[in-house]
Amino acid sequence: MSVLDEDPLSHERLDVELGSSWEEAGGRFTIGTAMEIDALIEAGVEEADVFIASTNGDNTNLVVAQIAQRRFKVDRVIARVLDPRRAAWYQEQGLQTICPTQIAIEQLQQAALGEVL
């Protein structure tokens, strides 16, 4: 598994969670931004079976996911998208999306219906 992050301190957080270094656990950590082709290549996008775009920005996730899908021919690409309408539209276009906002809406609806029943 490879992680690409522009924050070098996120590497330290990974190490703390594992109790050892990320590399000792078989991971790869690359410092850079997902919008940099060289950083994606250094992180191993060319060898990836799965690519997950999960930055703080929908636009970045959508663009980078499409780059992984179209340019690097990664078999399975997933983009985290907060806007439910955009997530649905991109899903219809063939890009797998995960929408935490939609998941929260559905869970709240289930909880509310469960209270009513």
C-alpha atoms as a PDB file:
ATOM      1  CA  MET A   1       0.000   0.000   0.000  1.00  0.00           C
ATOM      2  CA  SER A   2       1.227   3.424  -0.879  1.00  0.00           C
ATOM      3  CA  VAL A   3       0.282   6.772   0.628  1.00  0.00           C
ATOM      4  CA  LEU A   4       0.903  10.078  -1.125  1.00  0.00           C
ATOM      5  CA  ASP A   5       0.575  13.117   1.116  1.00  0.00           C
ATOM      6  CA  GLU A   6       1.932  16.640   1.045  1.00  0.00           C
ATOM      7  CA  ASP A   7       2.148  16.653   4.854  1.00  0.00           C
ATOM      8  CA  PRO A   8       5.290  14.842   6.044  1.00  0.00           C
ATOM      9  CA  LEU A   9       3.818  14.635   9.548  1.00  0.00           C
ATOM     10  CA  SER A  10       1.069  12.320   8.317  1.00  0.00           C
ATOM     11  CA  HIS A  11       3.803   9.696   7.989  1.00  0.00           C
ATOM     12  CA  GLU A  12       4.451   9.966  11.720  1.00  0.00           C
ATOM     13  CA  ARG A  13       0.726   9.517  12.440  1.00  0.00           C
ATOM     14  CA  LEU A  14       0.722   6.321  10.370  1.00  0.00           C
ATOM     15  CA  ASP A  15       3.699   5.012  12.343  1.00  0.00           C
ATOM     16  CA  VAL A  16       2.012   5.713  15.693  1.00  0.00           C
ATOM     17  CA  GLU A  17      -1.167   3.897  14.650  1.00  0.00           C
ATOM     18  CA  LEU A  18       0.822   0.850  13.515  1.00  0.00           C
ATOM     19  CA  GLY A  19       3.243   0.756  16.415  1.00  0.00           C
ATOM     20  CA  SER A  20       6.099   0.457  13.894  1.00  0.00           C
ATOM     21  CA  SER A  21       7.194   2.269  10.772  1.00  0.00           C
ATOM     22  CA  TRP A  22       4.909   2.329   7.748  1.00  0.00           C
ATOM     23  CA  GLU A  23       7.737   0.954   5.596  1.00  0.00           C
ATOM     24  CA  GLU A  24       8.403  -1.918   8.025  1.00  0.00           C
ATOM     25  CA  ALA A  25       4.741  -2.866   7.622  1.00  0.00           C
ATOM     26  CA  GLY A  26       5.259  -3.053   3.849  1.00  0.00           C
ATOM     27  CA  GLY A  27       3.925   0.379   2.934  1.00  0.00           C
ATOM     28  CA  ARG A  28       5.324   3.152   0.787  1.00  0.00           C
ATOM     29  CA  PHE A  29       5.070   6.805   1.768  1.00  0.00           C
ATOM     30  CA  THR A  30       5.669   9.597  -0.724  1.00  0.00           C
ATOM     31  CA  ILE A  31       5.647  13.307   0.050  1.00  0.00           C
ATOM     32  CA  GLY A  32       4.004  15.346  -2.684  1.00  0.00           C
ATOM     33  CA  THR A  33       0.652  16.412  -4.050  1.00  0.00           C
ATOM     34  CA  ALA A  34      -1.711  14.219  -6.009  1.00  0.00           C
ATOM     35  CA  MET A  35      -1.823  16.803  -8.807  1.00  0.00           C
ATOM     36  CA  GLU A  36       1.864  16.163  -9.587  1.00  0.00           C
ATOM     37  CA  ILE A  37       2.329  13.374 -12.136  1.00  0.00           C
ATOM     38  CA  ASP A  38       5.876  12.738 -10.887  1.00  0.00           C
ATOM     39  CA  ALA A  39       4.605  12.307  -7.314  1.00  0.00           C
ATOM     40  CA  LEU A  40       1.912   9.872  -8.487  1.00  0.00           C
ATOM     41  CA  ILE A  41       4.527   7.846 -10.355  1.00  0.00           C
ATOM     42  CA  GLU A  42       6.905   7.887  -7.367  1.00  0.00           C
ATOM     43  CA  ALA A  43       4.030   6.687  -5.174  1.00  0.00           C
ATOM     44  CA  GLY A  44       3.504   3.743  -7.527  1.00  0.00           C
ATOM     45  CA  VAL A  45       0.356   4.600  -9.503  1.00  0.00           C
ATOM     46  CA  GLU A  46       1.752   2.700 -12.503  1.00  0.00           C
ATOM     47  CA  GLU A  47       1.718  -0.563 -10.510  1.00  0.00           C
ATOM     48  CA  ALA A  48      -1.519   0.063  -8.601  1.00  0.00           C
ATOM     49  CA  ASP A  49      -4.445  -2.361  -8.676  1.00  0.00           C
ATOM     50  CA  VAL A  50      -6.590   0.092  -6.708  1.00  0.00           C
ATOM     51  CA  PHE A  51      -6.359   3.873  -6.457  1.00  0.00           C
ATOM     52  CA  ILE A  52      -8.279   5.906  -3.874  1.00  0.00           C
ATOM     53  CA  ALA A  53      -8.427   9.700  -4.145  1.00  0.00           C
ATOM     54  CA  SER A  54      -9.309  11.035  -0.722  1.00  0.00           C
ATOM     55  CA  THR A  55      -8.029  14.566  -0.270  1.00  0.00           C
ATOM     56  CA  ASN A  56      -9.924  17.432   1.348  1.00  0.00           C
ATOM     57  CA  GLY A  57     -11.164  18.642  -2.038  1.00  0.00           C
ATOM     58  CA  ASP A  58     -13.765  17.123  -4.335  1.00  0.00           C
ATOM     59  CA  ASN A  59     -12.238  18.715  -7.432  1.00  0.00           C
ATOM     60  CA  THR A  60      -8.798  17.333  -6.669  1.00  0.00           C
ATOM     61  CA  ASN A  61     -10.203  13.879  -5.973  1.00  0.00           C
ATOM     62  CA  LEU A  62     -12.192  13.838  -9.197  1.00  0.00           C
ATOM     63  CA  VAL A  63      -9.332  15.047 -11.387  1.00  0.00           C
ATOM     64  CA  VAL A  64      -6.724  12.762  -9.850  1.00  0.00           C
ATOM     65  CA  ALA A  65      -9.061   9.767  -9.960  1.00  0.00           C
ATOM     66  CA  GLN A  66      -9.676  10.359 -13.654  1.00  0.00           C
ATOM     67  CA  ILE A  67      -5.921  10.626 -14.260  1.00  0.00           C
ATOM     68  CA  ALA A  68      -5.391   7.289 -12.503  1.00  0.00           C
ATOM     69  CA  GLN A  69      -8.250   5.733 -14.451  1.00  0.00           C
ATOM     70  CA  ARG A  70      -7.547   7.126 -17.913  1.00  0.00           C
ATOM     71  CA  ARG A  71      -3.833   7.813 -18.100  1.00  0.00           C
ATOM     72  CA  PHE A  72      -2.492   5.070 -15.854  1.00  0.00           C
ATOM     73  CA  LYS A  73      -5.245   2.508 -16.554  1.00  0.00           C
ATOM     74  CA  VAL A  74      -5.675   1.571 -12.891  1.00  0.00           C
ATOM     75  CA  ASP A  75      -8.372  -1.127 -12.771  1.00  0.00           C
ATOM     76  CA  ARG A  76     -10.233   0.102  -9.727  1.00  0.00           C
ATOM     77  CA  VAL A  77     -10.404   3.821  -8.955  1.00  0.00           C
ATOM     78  CA  ILE A  78     -12.460   5.352  -6.147  1.00  0.00           C
ATOM     79  CA  ALA A  79     -12.970   9.055  -5.462  1.00  0.00           C
ATOM     80  CA  ARG A  80     -14.300  10.487  -2.223  1.00  0.00           C
ATOM     81  CA  VAL A  81     -16.803  13.202  -3.140  1.00  0.00           C
ATOM     82  CA  LEU A  82     -18.709  15.202  -0.515  1.00  0.00           C
ATOM     83  CA  ASP A  83     -21.380  16.613  -2.836  1.00  0.00           C
ATOM     84  CA  PRO A  84     -24.043  13.902  -3.361  1.00  0.00           C
ATOM     85  CA  ARG A  85     -25.171  15.249  -6.753  1.00  0.00           C
ATOM     86  CA  ARG A  86     -21.639  15.375  -8.113  1.00  0.00           C
ATOM     87  CA  ALA A  87     -20.879  11.931  -6.712  1.00  0.00           C
ATOM     88  CA  ALA A  88     -23.963  10.502  -8.434  1.00  0.00           C
ATOM     89  CA  TRP A  89     -23.128  12.189 -11.759  1.00  0.00           C
ATOM     90  CA  TYR A  90     -19.537  10.934 -11.791  1.00  0.00           C
ATOM     91  CA  GLN A  91     -20.751   7.465 -10.786  1.00  0.00           C
ATOM     92  CA  GLU A  92     -23.014   7.516 -13.850  1.00  0.00           C
ATOM     93  CA  GLN A  93     -19.957   8.423 -15.965  1.00  0.00           C
ATOM     94  CA  GLY A  94     -18.107   5.311 -14.792  1.00  0.00           C
ATOM     95  CA  LEU A  95     -16.058   6.615 -11.878  1.00  0.00           C
ATOM     96  CA  GLN A  96     -16.705   4.848  -8.597  1.00  0.00           C
ATOM     97  CA  THR A  97     -17.417   7.369  -5.852  1.00  0.00           C
ATOM     98  CA  ILE A  98     -17.883   7.240  -2.123  1.00  0.00           C
ATOM     99  CA  CYS A  99     -19.963  10.078  -0.709  1.00  0.00           C
ATOM    100  CA  PRO A 100     -19.703  10.428   3.084  1.00  0.00           C
ATOM    101  CA  THR A 101     -22.430  13.077   2.981  1.00  0.00           C
ATOM    102  CA  GLN A 102     -24.868  10.687   1.285  1.00  0.00           C
ATOM    103  CA  ILE A 103     -23.951   7.903   3.703  1.00  0.00           C
ATOM    104  CA  ALA A 104     -24.655  10.247   6.643  1.00  0.00           C
ATOM    105  CA  ILE A 105     -28.005  11.297   5.134  1.00  0.00           C
ATOM    106  CA  GLU A 106     -29.039   7.666   4.701  1.00  0.00           C
ATOM    107  CA  GLN A 107     -27.987   6.772   8.248  1.00  0.00           C
ATOM    108  CA  LEU A 108     -29.898   9.733   9.666  1.00  0.00           C
ATOM    109  CA  GLN A 109     -32.983   8.761   7.681  1.00  0.00           C
ATOM    110  CA  GLN A 110     -32.735   5.188   8.950  1.00  0.00           C
ATOM    111  CA  ALA A 111     -32.308   6.390  12.514  1.00  0.00           C
ATOM    112  CA  ALA A 112     -35.288   8.732  12.205  1.00  0.00           C
ATOM    113  CA  LEU A 113     -37.469   6.040  10.660  1.00  0.00           C
ATOM    114  CA  GLY A 114     -36.351   3.594  13.302  1.00  0.00           C
ATOM    115  CA  GLU A 115     -37.522   6.020  16.006  1.00  0.00           C
ATOM    116  CA  VAL A 116     -40.901   6.468  14.305  1.00  0.00           C
ATOM    117  CA  LEU A 117     -41.498   2.732  13.913  1.00  0.00           C
END
